[in-house]
Protein backbone atom coordinates (compact mmCIF):
# COMPACT_ATOMS: atom_id res chain seq x y z
CA MET A 1 225.18 85.88 110.68
CA LYS A 2 226.05 83.43 113.46
CA LYS A 3 223.55 85.09 115.83
CA LYS A 4 220.79 84.90 113.19
CA LEU A 5 221.57 81.21 112.57
CA LEU A 6 221.33 80.47 116.29
CA ALA A 7 218.03 82.32 116.45
CA SER A 8 216.65 80.26 113.57
CA LEU A 9 217.87 77.03 115.09
CA SER A 10 216.33 77.90 118.46
CA VAL A 11 212.96 78.43 116.77
CA VAL A 12 213.18 75.07 115.03
CA VAL A 13 214.34 73.22 118.15
CA VAL A 14 211.48 74.66 120.22
CA LEU A 15 208.86 73.90 117.60
CA THR A 16 210.19 70.43 116.93
CA SER A 17 210.30 69.58 120.64
CA VAL A 18 206.71 70.73 121.03
CA VAL A 19 205.60 68.64 118.08
CA VAL A 20 207.37 65.55 119.42
CA ALA A 21 206.02 66.09 122.93
CA GLY A 22 202.50 66.39 121.57
CA ALA A 23 202.77 63.41 119.24
CA GLY A 24 200.90 61.12 121.63
CA GLY A 25 197.70 63.14 121.48
CA GLY A 26 194.90 63.05 118.98
CA GLY A 27 195.62 63.95 115.39
CA GLY A 28 192.61 66.18 114.78
CA SER A 29 192.65 69.88 113.91
CA VAL A 30 191.54 72.83 116.01
CA GLU A 31 189.96 76.19 115.27
CA VAL A 32 192.61 78.87 114.87
CA GLY A 33 193.02 82.62 114.72
CA PHE A 34 195.88 82.44 112.22
CA SER A 35 196.59 80.16 109.28
CA ALA A 36 199.43 80.59 106.85
CA SER A 37 197.31 78.93 104.18
CA SER A 38 194.28 81.10 105.02
CA ALA A 39 192.41 77.99 106.10
CA SER A 40 190.14 77.98 109.13
CA SER A 41 192.05 75.20 110.91
CA VAL A 42 195.44 73.55 111.03
CA SER A 43 196.46 69.98 111.77
CA ARG A 44 199.53 68.46 113.42
CA GLY A 45 200.60 67.12 110.06
CA GLU A 46 200.61 70.62 108.56
CA VAL A 47 202.78 71.92 111.37
CA VAL A 48 205.28 69.06 111.08
CA ASN A 49 205.36 69.40 107.28
CA GLU A 50 206.11 73.12 107.41
CA ILE A 51 208.87 72.64 110.00
CA MET A 52 210.51 69.95 107.86
CA ASN A 53 210.28 72.13 104.74
CA PHE A 54 211.85 74.99 106.65
CA MET A 55 214.74 72.80 107.80
CA LYS A 56 215.30 71.20 104.38
CA GLU A 57 215.56 74.50 102.52
CA ARG A 58 217.33 76.48 105.23
CA TYR A 59 219.90 73.93 106.38
CA LEU A 60 220.08 71.19 103.72
CA GLY A 61 219.91 73.47 100.72
CA GLU A 62 217.05 71.58 99.11
CA ASP A 63 214.93 73.45 96.57
CA LEU A 64 211.36 72.34 97.14
CA GLY A 65 209.98 74.58 94.43
CA VAL A 66 207.68 76.37 96.89
CA GLY A 67 209.29 78.60 99.49
CA PRO A 68 208.71 77.46 103.07
CA LEU A 69 207.14 79.67 105.71
CA GLY A 70 209.45 82.19 107.37
CA GLU A 71 210.35 81.99 111.04
CA GLU A 72 207.59 84.31 112.23
CA GLU A 73 204.90 82.60 110.15
CA LEU A 74 206.15 79.22 111.33
CA CYS A 75 205.87 80.30 114.98
CA LYS A 76 202.35 81.61 114.39
CA LEU A 77 201.33 78.39 112.68
CA ALA A 78 202.53 76.34 115.64
CA CYS A 79 200.78 78.71 118.07
CA THR A 80 197.42 78.28 116.37
CA TYR A 81 197.67 74.52 116.77
CA PHE A 82 199.28 74.04 120.17
CA TYR A 83 197.76 77.04 121.99
CA ARG A 84 194.39 77.20 120.21
CA GLY A 85 194.92 80.77 119.07
CA ARG A 86 195.94 82.14 122.50
CA TYR A 87 199.38 82.92 121.12
CA PRO A 88 201.34 84.76 119.83
CA ARG A 89 200.98 87.71 122.20
CA THR A 90 202.66 91.09 121.74
CA ILE A 91 203.51 93.98 124.04
CA THR A 92 204.92 97.41 123.22
CA THR A 93 207.94 98.09 125.41
CA ALA A 94 209.34 101.29 126.92
CA THR A 95 211.68 101.57 123.95
CA GLY A 96 208.76 101.62 121.52
CA GLU A 97 209.55 98.17 120.18
CA ASN A 98 207.03 95.34 119.93
CA VAL A 99 208.04 92.12 121.67
CA THR A 100 206.18 88.93 120.77
CA ILE A 101 206.04 85.68 122.69
CA TYR A 102 204.86 82.42 121.13
CA LYS A 103 204.17 80.41 124.25
CA PRO A 104 203.26 81.12 127.91
CA LEU A 105 205.99 82.56 130.10
CA GLU A 106 206.65 80.12 132.93
CA ARG A 107 210.04 81.30 134.27
CA VAL A 108 211.03 84.98 134.39
CA VAL A 109 213.85 87.07 135.84
CA VAL A 110 212.93 90.52 137.16
CA LEU A 111 215.50 93.29 137.55
CA ASN A 112 213.55 96.00 139.39
CA THR A 113 210.98 96.38 142.14
CA ASP A 114 208.35 98.13 139.99
CA ILE A 115 207.95 95.18 137.64
CA ALA A 116 208.19 92.67 140.48
CA GLU A 117 205.39 94.51 142.28
CA THR A 118 203.30 94.61 139.10
CA ILE A 119 203.74 90.89 138.46
CA ARG A 120 202.59 90.20 142.01
CA VAL A 121 199.55 92.44 141.54
CA LEU A 122 198.71 90.33 138.51
CA GLY A 123 198.90 87.15 140.58
CA ALA A 124 201.90 85.77 138.69
CA GLU A 125 204.69 86.01 141.29
CA GLY A 126 205.13 82.24 141.09
CA LYS A 127 206.71 82.72 137.65
CA ILE A 128 209.61 84.76 139.09
CA VAL A 129 212.75 82.61 139.37
CA GLY A 130 215.42 85.33 139.62
CA ILE A 131 215.63 88.87 141.00
CA SER A 132 217.87 91.91 141.39
CA ASP A 133 219.56 92.82 144.67
CA THR A 134 217.13 95.75 145.10
CA ILE A 135 214.28 93.26 145.48
CA LYS A 136 216.34 91.11 147.84
CA LYS A 137 216.70 94.12 150.18
CA ARG A 138 212.92 94.40 150.67
CA PRO A 139 211.87 91.20 152.47
CA ALA A 140 209.07 92.91 154.42
CA PHE A 141 207.38 93.96 151.19
CA PHE A 142 208.43 90.95 149.09
CA PRO A 143 208.48 88.10 151.65
CA LYS A 144 208.33 85.41 148.93
CA ILE A 145 209.93 87.03 145.91
CA SER A 146 212.96 88.27 147.91
CA LYS A 147 213.98 84.65 148.54
CA ARG A 148 214.57 83.99 144.84
CA PRO A 149 218.18 83.78 143.54
CA VAL A 150 219.88 87.15 142.92
CA VAL A 151 221.23 87.69 139.39
CA GLY A 152 222.79 91.12 139.96
CA GLY A 153 221.53 94.68 140.18
CA TRP A 154 219.10 96.78 138.18
CA LYS A 155 222.00 98.24 136.19
CA GLU A 156 224.12 95.15 135.60
CA ILE A 157 223.55 91.40 135.77
CA ASP A 158 225.57 88.20 135.97
CA VAL A 159 224.64 86.51 132.70
CA GLU A 160 225.92 83.12 133.84
CA VAL A 161 223.59 83.14 136.85
CA VAL A 162 220.68 84.17 134.63
CA LEU A 163 221.34 81.31 132.22
CA GLN A 164 221.51 78.80 135.07
CA LEU A 165 217.92 79.73 135.95
CA GLU A 166 216.75 78.91 132.39
CA PRO A 167 214.28 81.82 132.14
CA ASP A 168 211.81 82.36 129.31
CA ALA A 169 212.14 86.13 129.74
CA VAL A 170 214.03 88.89 131.53
CA PHE A 171 212.18 92.05 132.57
CA ALA A 172 214.20 95.27 132.86
CA TYR A 173 213.89 99.07 132.72
CA GLY A 174 213.75 100.76 129.34
CA ASN A 175 217.35 102.00 129.53
CA TRP A 176 218.98 99.90 132.26
CA PRO A 177 220.89 97.67 132.04
CA GLY A 178 221.96 98.56 128.50
CA PRO A 179 221.66 96.07 125.61
CA GLU A 180 225.36 95.25 125.98
CA TYR A 181 224.54 93.70 129.37
CA ILE A 182 221.41 91.76 128.36
CA GLU A 183 220.36 91.38 124.73
CA GLU A 184 223.89 91.05 123.38
CA LYS A 185 224.83 88.41 125.96
CA LEU A 186 221.70 86.29 126.27
CA PRO A 187 220.64 83.70 123.68
CA PRO A 188 217.66 84.49 121.42
CA SER A 189 215.57 81.93 123.31
CA VAL A 190 215.39 84.37 126.26
CA THR A 191 212.97 87.22 125.55
CA VAL A 192 213.98 90.62 126.95
CA VAL A 193 211.07 92.90 127.87
CA ARG A 194 211.79 96.50 128.87
CA LEU A 195 209.10 98.34 130.85
CA ASP A 196 209.17 101.62 132.78
CA PHE A 197 206.45 101.00 135.34
CA PHE A 198 207.96 103.66 137.61
CA LYS A 199 206.19 106.16 135.35
CA PRO A 200 202.51 106.56 136.30
CA LYS A 201 201.28 107.14 132.76
CA GLU A 202 203.16 104.17 131.37
CA LEU A 203 201.91 101.94 134.17
CA ARG A 204 198.27 102.89 133.64
CA ASP A 205 198.43 102.47 129.89
CA GLY A 206 200.56 99.37 129.93
CA LEU A 207 199.19 97.28 132.77
CA LYS A 208 196.16 96.02 130.86
CA THR A 209 198.38 94.86 128.00
CA PHE A 210 200.84 93.39 130.49
CA GLY A 211 198.01 91.42 132.07
CA TYR A 212 197.16 90.05 128.64
CA PHE A 213 200.83 89.29 128.01
CA LEU A 214 200.96 87.14 131.19
CA GLU A 215 197.46 85.67 130.75
CA GLU A 216 196.25 87.54 133.86
CA GLU A 217 193.57 89.72 132.29
CA GLU A 218 191.09 89.31 135.16
CA ASN A 219 193.59 90.43 137.81
CA ALA A 220 194.62 93.36 135.62
CA SER A 221 190.99 94.50 135.42
CA LYS A 222 190.61 94.29 139.21
CA TYR A 223 193.69 96.44 139.76
CA LEU A 224 192.67 99.02 137.16
CA GLU A 225 189.25 99.35 138.79
CA TRP A 226 190.99 100.15 142.09
CA HIS A 227 193.47 102.47 140.36
CA ASP A 228 190.83 104.45 138.49
CA LYS A 229 188.71 104.87 141.61
CA TYR A 230 191.40 106.94 143.35
CA ALA A 231 193.54 108.36 140.54
CA GLY A 232 190.34 109.28 138.71
CA GLU A 233 188.92 111.16 141.69
CA ILE A 234 192.13 113.17 142.07
CA LYS A 235 192.21 113.90 138.35
CA GLU A 236 188.65 115.27 138.51
CA ARG A 237 189.45 117.48 141.47
CA VAL A 238 192.60 118.85 139.86
CA ALA A 239 190.57 119.67 136.72
CA GLU A 240 188.00 121.51 138.85
CA ILE A 241 190.76 123.48 140.58
CA ARG A 242 192.26 124.48 137.23
CA GLU A 243 188.89 125.65 136.00
CA ARG A 244 188.28 127.74 139.10
CA ARG A 245 191.74 129.28 138.78
CA GLY A 246 191.41 130.09 135.10
CA GLY A 247 193.46 127.14 133.97
CA ARG A 248 196.04 127.81 136.70
CA LYS A 249 197.94 130.08 134.33
CA ASP A 250 197.76 133.02 136.72
CA GLU A 251 198.46 131.09 139.91
CA PRO A 252 200.51 127.98 139.15
CA ILE A 253 201.70 125.94 142.11
CA LYS A 254 205.43 125.91 141.41
CA VAL A 255 207.14 122.78 142.67
CA PHE A 256 210.78 121.85 143.06
CA LEU A 257 211.36 118.07 142.93
CA ASP A 258 214.52 117.17 144.81
CA LYS A 259 216.58 113.97 144.69
CA SER A 260 217.12 114.08 148.42
CA ALA A 261 219.94 111.54 148.51
CA GLU A 262 222.19 114.29 147.16
CA GLU A 263 224.27 116.12 149.78
CA SER A 264 225.66 119.02 147.73
CA VAL A 265 224.80 122.51 148.99
CA ASN A 266 225.65 124.35 145.76
CA GLU A 267 223.63 122.28 143.31
CA ARG A 268 220.87 119.70 143.40
CA LYS A 269 219.68 116.87 141.19
CA THR A 270 216.06 117.12 140.12
CA PHE A 271 213.48 115.44 137.87
CA SER A 272 212.29 116.78 134.54
CA GLU A 273 210.06 115.55 131.71
CA GLY A 274 210.22 111.83 131.11
CA THR A 275 210.56 110.88 134.79
CA GLY A 276 208.07 109.29 137.13
CA MET A 277 208.32 112.14 139.64
CA HIS A 278 207.57 114.73 136.99
CA GLN A 279 204.50 112.81 135.87
CA LEU A 280 203.35 112.46 139.48
CA CYS A 281 203.73 116.22 139.97
CA GLU A 282 201.73 116.96 136.82
CA LEU A 283 198.93 114.57 137.76
CA ALA A 284 198.68 116.25 141.16
CA GLY A 285 198.32 119.66 139.50
CA GLY A 286 201.82 121.01 140.10
CA GLN A 287 204.15 122.95 137.81
CA ASN A 288 207.65 121.49 137.85
CA ILE A 289 210.22 124.31 137.90
CA ALA A 290 212.70 122.05 136.07
CA VAL A 291 210.48 122.59 133.04
CA THR A 292 209.75 126.28 133.55
CA ALA A 293 213.46 126.92 134.13
CA GLU A 294 214.21 125.01 130.91
CA LEU A 295 216.75 122.71 132.53
CA VAL A 296 218.41 120.32 130.11
CA GLY A 297 218.17 116.57 130.60
CA THR A 298 215.86 114.04 132.22
CA TYR A 299 217.59 114.20 135.62
CA PRO A 300 219.26 117.62 135.39
CA THR A 301 221.51 119.31 137.89
CA VAL A 302 220.35 122.74 139.04
CA ALA A 303 222.29 125.36 141.01
CA THR A 304 220.71 126.30 144.31
CA GLU A 305 220.78 129.92 143.12
CA LYS A 306 218.46 128.92 140.26
CA ILE A 307 216.05 127.35 142.72
CA LEU A 308 216.04 130.57 144.72
CA GLU A 309 215.22 132.51 141.53
CA GLN A 310 212.27 130.23 140.76
CA ASP A 311 211.01 130.43 144.40
CA PRO A 312 208.83 127.28 144.45
CA ALA A 313 205.73 127.27 146.62
CA VAL A 314 206.22 123.56 147.41
CA ILE A 315 209.28 121.33 147.60
CA VAL A 316 208.92 117.55 147.35
CA GLY A 317 211.99 115.38 147.86
CA LEU A 318 212.21 111.72 146.86
CA SER A 319 213.66 109.59 149.64
CA ARG A 320 214.77 105.98 149.89
CA LYS A 321 215.24 106.08 153.66
CA GLY A 322 211.72 104.96 154.54
CA GLY A 323 209.30 102.38 153.19
CA TYR A 324 208.17 99.02 154.50
CA GLU A 325 211.52 97.93 155.88
CA THR A 326 211.70 100.47 158.73
CA ASP A 327 209.56 102.04 161.43
CA ASP A 328 212.15 104.74 162.11
CA GLU A 329 211.56 108.13 160.48
CA SER A 330 214.97 109.52 161.47
CA GLY A 331 216.40 108.91 157.99
CA LEU A 332 213.71 111.02 156.33
CA LYS A 333 213.92 113.60 159.08
CA GLU A 334 217.67 114.00 158.52
CA GLU A 335 217.17 114.47 154.77
CA HIS A 336 214.40 117.00 155.44
CA GLU A 337 216.61 119.04 157.77
CA ARG A 338 219.45 119.02 155.26
CA LEU A 339 217.11 120.18 152.49
CA VAL A 340 215.48 123.09 154.34
CA GLY A 341 218.89 124.10 155.70
CA LEU A 342 220.50 124.68 152.29
CA PRO A 343 222.07 128.16 151.91
CA GLY A 344 219.39 130.75 151.17
CA PHE A 345 216.50 128.29 151.38
CA ASP A 346 215.16 130.03 154.47
CA ASN A 347 214.00 132.75 152.06
CA LEU A 348 212.03 130.36 149.86
CA THR A 349 208.24 130.56 149.98
CA ALA A 350 208.08 126.76 150.42
CA VAL A 351 210.35 126.85 153.48
CA GLU A 352 208.74 129.94 155.01
CA ASN A 353 205.31 128.31 154.75
CA GLU A 354 206.59 124.91 155.95
CA ARG A 355 205.63 123.22 152.69
CA VAL A 356 208.71 121.03 152.24
CA TYR A 357 207.94 117.31 152.14
CA LEU A 358 209.67 114.00 151.58
CA ILE A 359 208.04 110.94 150.07
CA ASP A 360 209.54 107.46 149.98
CA SER A 361 209.98 105.87 146.57
CA SER A 362 207.98 102.80 147.63
CA VAL A 363 204.70 104.73 147.28
CA ALA A 364 205.77 107.16 144.55
CA PHE A 365 206.26 104.60 141.79
CA GLY A 366 204.84 101.31 140.56
CA PRO A 367 201.27 100.05 141.08
CA SER A 368 200.97 101.82 144.46
CA TYR A 369 201.64 105.27 142.96
CA PRO A 370 197.99 106.44 143.52
CA VAL A 371 199.02 106.63 147.19
CA GLY A 372 201.88 109.00 146.33
CA LEU A 373 199.52 110.95 144.09
CA ALA A 374 197.11 111.41 147.01
CA TYR A 375 199.93 112.76 149.19
CA LEU A 376 201.15 115.21 146.53
CA ALA A 377 197.64 116.45 145.78
CA ASN A 378 197.13 117.14 149.48
CA TRP A 379 200.45 118.98 149.73
CA LEU A 380 199.84 121.11 146.63
CA TYR A 381 196.21 121.97 147.33
CA PRO A 382 195.60 121.41 151.06
CA GLU A 383 192.32 123.31 151.14
CA GLU A 384 190.81 121.54 148.15
CA PHE A 385 192.06 118.13 149.28
CA GLU A 386 191.70 118.58 153.03
CA ASP A 387 189.38 115.59 153.32
CA LEU A 388 192.25 113.32 152.26
CA ASP A 389 193.13 113.27 155.96
CA PHE A 390 189.64 112.55 157.22
CA ASN A 391 187.61 110.89 154.47
CA LEU A 392 188.49 107.19 154.48
CA ASP A 393 187.75 107.05 150.75
CA LEU A 394 190.68 109.35 150.02
CA ASN A 395 192.97 108.93 153.01
CA PRO A 396 196.44 108.00 151.66
CA GLN A 397 197.10 105.49 154.41
CA ALA A 398 193.69 103.88 153.90
CA ILE A 399 194.31 103.70 150.15
CA LEU A 400 197.67 102.02 150.77
CA GLN A 401 196.24 99.54 153.29
CA GLU A 402 193.52 98.60 150.82
CA TYR A 403 196.17 98.08 148.14
CA LEU A 404 198.27 95.86 150.41
CA ASP A 405 195.29 93.78 151.52
CA ASN A 406 193.77 93.30 148.07
CA PHE A 407 196.77 93.01 145.75
CA CYS A 408 199.95 92.20 147.67
CA GLY A 409 198.97 89.23 149.83
CA ILE A 410 201.10 90.34 152.78
CA ASP A 411 200.19 90.89 156.42
CA PHE A 412 201.26 94.49 156.99
CA ASP A 413 199.54 96.87 159.43
CA LEU A 414 200.27 100.47 158.45
CA THR A 415 199.15 101.77 161.83
CA LYS A 416 202.13 99.94 163.35
CA HIS A 417 204.77 99.69 160.66
CA GLY A 418 206.33 101.60 157.78
CA VAL A 419 207.43 105.19 157.14
CA PHE A 420 206.40 106.77 153.85
CA VAL A 421 206.35 110.58 154.18
CA PHE A 422 207.87 113.33 156.28
CA PRO A 423 206.54 115.38 157.95
CA GLY A 424 203.63 113.09 158.77
CA THR A 425 200.15 114.14 157.72
CA GLY A 426 198.29 112.96 160.76
CA THR A 427 197.36 109.68 159.04
CA GLU A 428 200.58 107.84 159.83
CA GLY A 429 200.62 105.20 162.48
């Protein structure tokens, strides 16, 4: 009850402050997209009157005879006047919930690199006032954003620090941190938006709406044009391959997706349905053995014996040892050696044919994932995608350089810096 009362009061305080701040302007009405009275316009007087009626009945117990507008209708009424129909704006989150904002977001806290990268692509990085420590650790890729105050990690935040920054919204993963760390601790005036932009399909479907949410529709369209140029080409080629191979039912390219940070020799962590790596594998035309082996869970553990039974043709490990912050491939090389050296792995088709690869997370997820998709497609179907190494239109490094130049606003020469895959494909600097 107390939380609901605070929420109501916050709505009234915001609306009242806007009305007072705008009192010096003209008193005319504007064309609107919403009107509680079904009229075609609304005036300042109507907004003030409805707010006062709301307060009188809700907090003074006065019976005005006609019920006042509810909180949502009151917010919409104010939006039609003060923002000329541009608000409210709604986005569907990773949890399936709809989140609505009633005014532009000017100050936001971002808890993961995927959303930070997406906000920069949309040209709105100036709105970011707080970040997670994972963003802080990537100054080469986020030279400006990484200097913002740190509010904690992607799994847990310091609420007091967040409140000091006075954000309009906090952006987080769908499941992390849990509601007990964010929603239940922050006041209703701070909107929490949960997005899983580490999943390719969710990024593609959600970025246009996200651009609208942040009033960056034009930049969203520019990115999606770039995205569809490369991801679309790969999708078409994969479809052609499937058709030639009878739908790939007879000759599936079986792939084991390894979480390469694991050091166990008896069991490995992998990625199944609902993860970004699984989606990337599917888009590239691979068959994830976590699914065919019916492993339970989103990030299941699998015994190495089970991997040997499945005998994948390709192994792709996800690494966090490379990226933009290093020019040294020794970290990826060490993980690669540990992976191919697991007991019994020398008998795997993937190891025998030297088709074991590592890809850094910086190009596997987020807006730059078409680069990771190009690498995987080349690894799964080297003959069909052989021109990825030579055709500048589909060269992974060229795709990434174009992305950095056009959407990231950073001076980064990929022929000199960065490590993103191991072994190299011949396109690395």
